Amino acid sequence: MEKLNLIIQKIFKIGDADINDELSPLTIPTWDSMNYLIFISEIEKEFEITFTMDEILNARNLGDLKAAMSNKGVKF
C-alpha cells in the first residue's frame, strides 16, 4: 500500500492522510484525464501489471482500481 500511496501523493499532490478508497475525480481537483493516465501508467510500471481498457474506463474511484489490482495478484 505504501508504494501506491506514494504514487497517489506524487501524481495528485495530496497528503497520505487524505488517501482513501473513495478518491475520485469528484473528490480531487487534480484528478483530471491527463493525471489519471499518468497515474495508471505509474501503477502498471511499479506493480508490473496491465489494466484492460474496460478496467481503466470503468473505475470510478481508487477502490475500483485497487480491486482490479487485487484481481491481478497485487497484495495490499
N, C-alpha and C. Protein backbone atom coordinates (compact mmCIF):
# COMPACT_ATOMS: atom_id res chain seq x y z
N MET A 1 0.82 -1.19 0.00
CA MET A 1 0.00 0.00 0.00
C MET A 1 0.87 1.25 0.00
N GLU A 2 2.03 1.17 0.61
CA GLU A 2 2.91 2.32 0.68
C GLU A 2 3.33 2.80 -0.71
N LYS A 3 3.66 1.84 -1.60
CA LYS A 3 4.06 2.22 -2.96
C LYS A 3 2.92 2.95 -3.67
N LEU A 4 1.71 2.41 -3.53
CA LEU A 4 0.55 3.02 -4.17
C LEU A 4 0.31 4.42 -3.61
N ASN A 5 0.38 4.57 -2.31
CA ASN A 5 0.16 5.87 -1.69
C ASN A 5 1.19 6.89 -2.15
N LEU A 6 2.43 6.47 -2.32
CA LEU A 6 3.46 7.39 -2.82
C LEU A 6 3.15 7.86 -4.23
N ILE A 7 2.65 6.96 -5.06
CA ILE A 7 2.25 7.33 -6.43
C ILE A 7 1.10 8.33 -6.38
N ILE A 8 0.12 8.06 -5.54
CA ILE A 8 -1.04 8.95 -5.41
C ILE A 8 -0.60 10.33 -4.96
N GLN A 9 0.27 10.37 -3.96
CA GLN A 9 0.76 11.66 -3.44
C GLN A 9 1.49 12.44 -4.52
N LYS A 10 2.31 11.74 -5.29
CA LYS A 10 3.11 12.40 -6.32
C LYS A 10 2.23 12.93 -7.46
N ILE A 11 1.31 12.11 -7.94
CA ILE A 11 0.51 12.49 -9.11
C ILE A 11 -0.57 13.51 -8.75
N PHE A 12 -1.28 13.26 -7.65
CA PHE A 12 -2.43 14.08 -7.32
C PHE A 12 -2.15 15.18 -6.30
N LYS A 13 -0.91 15.21 -5.80
CA LYS A 13 -0.50 16.28 -4.87
C LYS A 13 -1.40 16.36 -3.63
N ILE A 14 -1.62 15.20 -3.00
CA ILE A 14 -2.38 15.17 -1.75
C ILE A 14 -1.57 14.46 -0.68
N GLY A 15 -1.94 14.68 0.56
CA GLY A 15 -1.24 14.06 1.68
C GLY A 15 -1.71 12.65 1.94
N ASP A 16 -0.87 11.88 2.62
CA ASP A 16 -1.17 10.49 2.93
C ASP A 16 -2.47 10.35 3.72
N ALA A 17 -2.72 11.28 4.62
CA ALA A 17 -3.93 11.22 5.45
C ALA A 17 -5.21 11.39 4.64
N ASP A 18 -5.10 11.95 3.44
CA ASP A 18 -6.27 12.19 2.60
C ASP A 18 -6.58 11.04 1.65
N ILE A 19 -5.76 10.00 1.67
CA ILE A 19 -5.94 8.88 0.75
C ILE A 19 -6.93 7.88 1.32
N ASN A 20 -7.98 7.58 0.52
CA ASN A 20 -8.96 6.56 0.89
C ASN A 20 -9.57 5.98 -0.39
N ASP A 21 -10.32 4.91 -0.25
CA ASP A 21 -10.86 4.21 -1.42
C ASP A 21 -11.90 5.02 -2.18
N GLU A 22 -12.41 6.09 -1.60
CA GLU A 22 -13.42 6.91 -2.26
C GLU A 22 -12.83 8.02 -3.13
N LEU A 23 -11.50 8.13 -3.17
CA LEU A 23 -10.88 9.16 -4.00
C LEU A 23 -11.32 8.99 -5.45
N SER A 24 -11.66 10.09 -6.08
CA SER A 24 -12.15 10.05 -7.46
C SER A 24 -11.99 11.44 -8.08
N PRO A 25 -12.32 11.57 -9.36
CA PRO A 25 -12.27 12.90 -9.97
C PRO A 25 -13.21 13.90 -9.28
N LEU A 26 -14.21 13.39 -8.60
CA LEU A 26 -15.15 14.26 -7.89
C LEU A 26 -14.59 14.78 -6.57
N THR A 27 -13.59 14.09 -6.02
CA THR A 27 -13.06 14.48 -4.71
C THR A 27 -11.67 15.10 -4.75
N ILE A 28 -10.97 14.95 -5.88
CA ILE A 28 -9.62 15.50 -6.02
C ILE A 28 -9.58 16.40 -7.25
N PRO A 29 -9.38 17.69 -7.07
CA PRO A 29 -9.34 18.60 -8.23
C PRO A 29 -8.26 18.26 -9.25
N THR A 30 -7.16 17.66 -8.79
CA THR A 30 -6.06 17.34 -9.72
C THR A 30 -6.26 16.01 -10.45
N TRP A 31 -7.37 15.31 -10.18
CA TRP A 31 -7.66 14.05 -10.87
C TRP A 31 -8.36 14.39 -12.18
N ASP A 32 -7.58 14.81 -13.16
CA ASP A 32 -8.12 15.08 -14.49
C ASP A 32 -7.70 13.94 -15.42
N SER A 33 -8.10 14.03 -16.67
CA SER A 33 -7.84 12.92 -17.59
C SER A 33 -6.35 12.66 -17.78
N MET A 34 -5.56 13.70 -17.87
CA MET A 34 -4.12 13.53 -18.07
C MET A 34 -3.47 12.89 -16.84
N ASN A 35 -3.76 13.42 -15.66
CA ASN A 35 -3.18 12.85 -14.44
C ASN A 35 -3.66 11.43 -14.22
N TYR A 36 -4.88 11.13 -14.61
CA TYR A 36 -5.39 9.76 -14.47
C TYR A 36 -4.57 8.80 -15.34
N LEU A 37 -4.29 9.19 -16.56
CA LEU A 37 -3.49 8.33 -17.44
C LEU A 37 -2.07 8.16 -16.92
N ILE A 38 -1.50 9.23 -16.38
CA ILE A 38 -0.17 9.15 -15.77
C ILE A 38 -0.22 8.21 -14.57
N PHE A 39 -1.27 8.35 -13.76
CA PHE A 39 -1.46 7.51 -12.59
C PHE A 39 -1.54 6.03 -12.98
N ILE A 40 -2.35 5.72 -13.98
CA ILE A 40 -2.48 4.34 -14.45
C ILE A 40 -1.13 3.82 -14.93
N SER A 41 -0.42 4.63 -15.70
CA SER A 41 0.89 4.23 -16.21
C SER A 41 1.88 3.95 -15.08
N GLU A 42 1.89 4.80 -14.06
CA GLU A 42 2.79 4.60 -12.92
C GLU A 42 2.44 3.33 -12.15
N ILE A 43 1.16 3.06 -11.98
CA ILE A 43 0.74 1.83 -11.29
C ILE A 43 1.20 0.61 -12.08
N GLU A 44 0.94 0.63 -13.39
CA GLU A 44 1.33 -0.51 -14.23
C GLU A 44 2.84 -0.75 -14.17
N LYS A 45 3.60 0.31 -14.21
CA LYS A 45 5.05 0.18 -14.17
C LYS A 45 5.53 -0.33 -12.81
N GLU A 46 5.04 0.27 -11.74
CA GLU A 46 5.50 -0.07 -10.38
C GLU A 46 5.12 -1.49 -9.98
N PHE A 47 3.90 -1.91 -10.34
CA PHE A 47 3.40 -3.21 -9.90
C PHE A 47 3.49 -4.29 -10.98
N GLU A 48 4.05 -3.91 -12.15
CA GLU A 48 4.24 -4.83 -13.26
C GLU A 48 2.94 -5.54 -13.62
N ILE A 49 1.90 -4.75 -13.83
CA ILE A 49 0.60 -5.25 -14.25
C ILE A 49 0.13 -4.43 -15.45
N THR A 50 -0.91 -4.91 -16.10
CA THR A 50 -1.52 -4.17 -17.20
C THR A 50 -3.02 -4.18 -17.00
N PHE A 51 -3.60 -3.00 -16.97
CA PHE A 51 -5.05 -2.89 -16.87
C PHE A 51 -5.67 -3.06 -18.26
N THR A 52 -6.87 -3.61 -18.31
CA THR A 52 -7.62 -3.64 -19.57
C THR A 52 -8.24 -2.26 -19.78
N MET A 53 -8.64 -1.99 -21.00
CA MET A 53 -9.30 -0.72 -21.28
C MET A 53 -10.60 -0.61 -20.47
N ASP A 54 -11.32 -1.71 -20.32
CA ASP A 54 -12.55 -1.69 -19.51
C ASP A 54 -12.25 -1.32 -18.05
N GLU A 55 -11.19 -1.87 -17.49
CA GLU A 55 -10.82 -1.55 -16.11
C GLU A 55 -10.50 -0.07 -15.96
N ILE A 56 -9.79 0.47 -16.93
CA ILE A 56 -9.40 1.88 -16.88
C ILE A 56 -10.62 2.78 -17.00
N LEU A 57 -11.49 2.47 -17.95
CA LEU A 57 -12.64 3.34 -18.20
C LEU A 57 -13.76 3.18 -17.18
N ASN A 58 -13.88 2.01 -16.58
CA ASN A 58 -14.98 1.76 -15.65
C ASN A 58 -14.64 2.04 -14.19
N ALA A 59 -13.38 2.28 -13.88
CA ALA A 59 -13.00 2.58 -12.49
C ALA A 59 -13.56 3.95 -12.13
N ARG A 60 -14.35 3.98 -11.08
CA ARG A 60 -14.96 5.24 -10.65
C ARG A 60 -14.22 5.90 -9.50
N ASN A 61 -13.38 5.10 -8.81
CA ASN A 61 -12.64 5.63 -7.66
C ASN A 61 -11.43 4.75 -7.39
N LEU A 62 -10.67 5.13 -6.39
CA LEU A 62 -9.47 4.38 -6.05
C LEU A 62 -9.80 2.96 -5.64
N GLY A 63 -10.91 2.76 -4.95
CA GLY A 63 -11.31 1.43 -4.53
C GLY A 63 -11.50 0.49 -5.72
N ASP A 64 -12.10 1.00 -6.80
CA ASP A 64 -12.27 0.19 -8.02
C ASP A 64 -10.92 -0.21 -8.61
N LEU A 65 -9.98 0.73 -8.62
CA LEU A 65 -8.64 0.42 -9.15
C LEU A 65 -7.92 -0.60 -8.27
N LYS A 66 -8.07 -0.45 -6.96
CA LYS A 66 -7.43 -1.41 -6.05
C LYS A 66 -8.03 -2.80 -6.21
N ALA A 67 -9.33 -2.87 -6.47
CA ALA A 67 -9.97 -4.17 -6.70
C ALA A 67 -9.41 -4.81 -7.98
N ALA A 68 -9.25 -4.02 -9.01
CA ALA A 68 -8.67 -4.53 -10.27
C ALA A 68 -7.23 -4.99 -10.04
N MET A 69 -6.49 -4.23 -9.25
CA MET A 69 -5.10 -4.60 -8.93
C MET A 69 -5.07 -5.90 -8.14
N SER A 70 -5.97 -6.03 -7.20
CA SER A 70 -6.06 -7.24 -6.38
C SER A 70 -6.34 -8.46 -7.25
N ASN A 71 -7.23 -8.29 -8.24
CA ASN A 71 -7.55 -9.38 -9.16
C ASN A 71 -6.34 -9.80 -9.99
N LYS A 72 -5.36 -8.92 -10.09
CA LYS A 72 -4.14 -9.23 -10.84
C LYS A 72 -3.01 -9.72 -9.92
N GLY A 73 -3.35 -9.95 -8.64
CA GLY A 73 -2.38 -10.53 -7.73
C GLY A 73 -1.64 -9.54 -6.86
N VAL A 74 -1.96 -8.26 -6.94
CA VAL A 74 -1.30 -7.26 -6.08
C VAL A 74 -1.88 -7.39 -4.68
N LYS A 75 -1.01 -7.50 -3.70
CA LYS A 75 -1.41 -7.63 -2.29
C LYS A 75 -1.35 -6.28 -1.61
N PHE A 76 -2.35 -6.01 -0.78
CA PHE A 76 -2.38 -4.76 -0.02
C PHE A 76 -2.30 -5.04 1.44
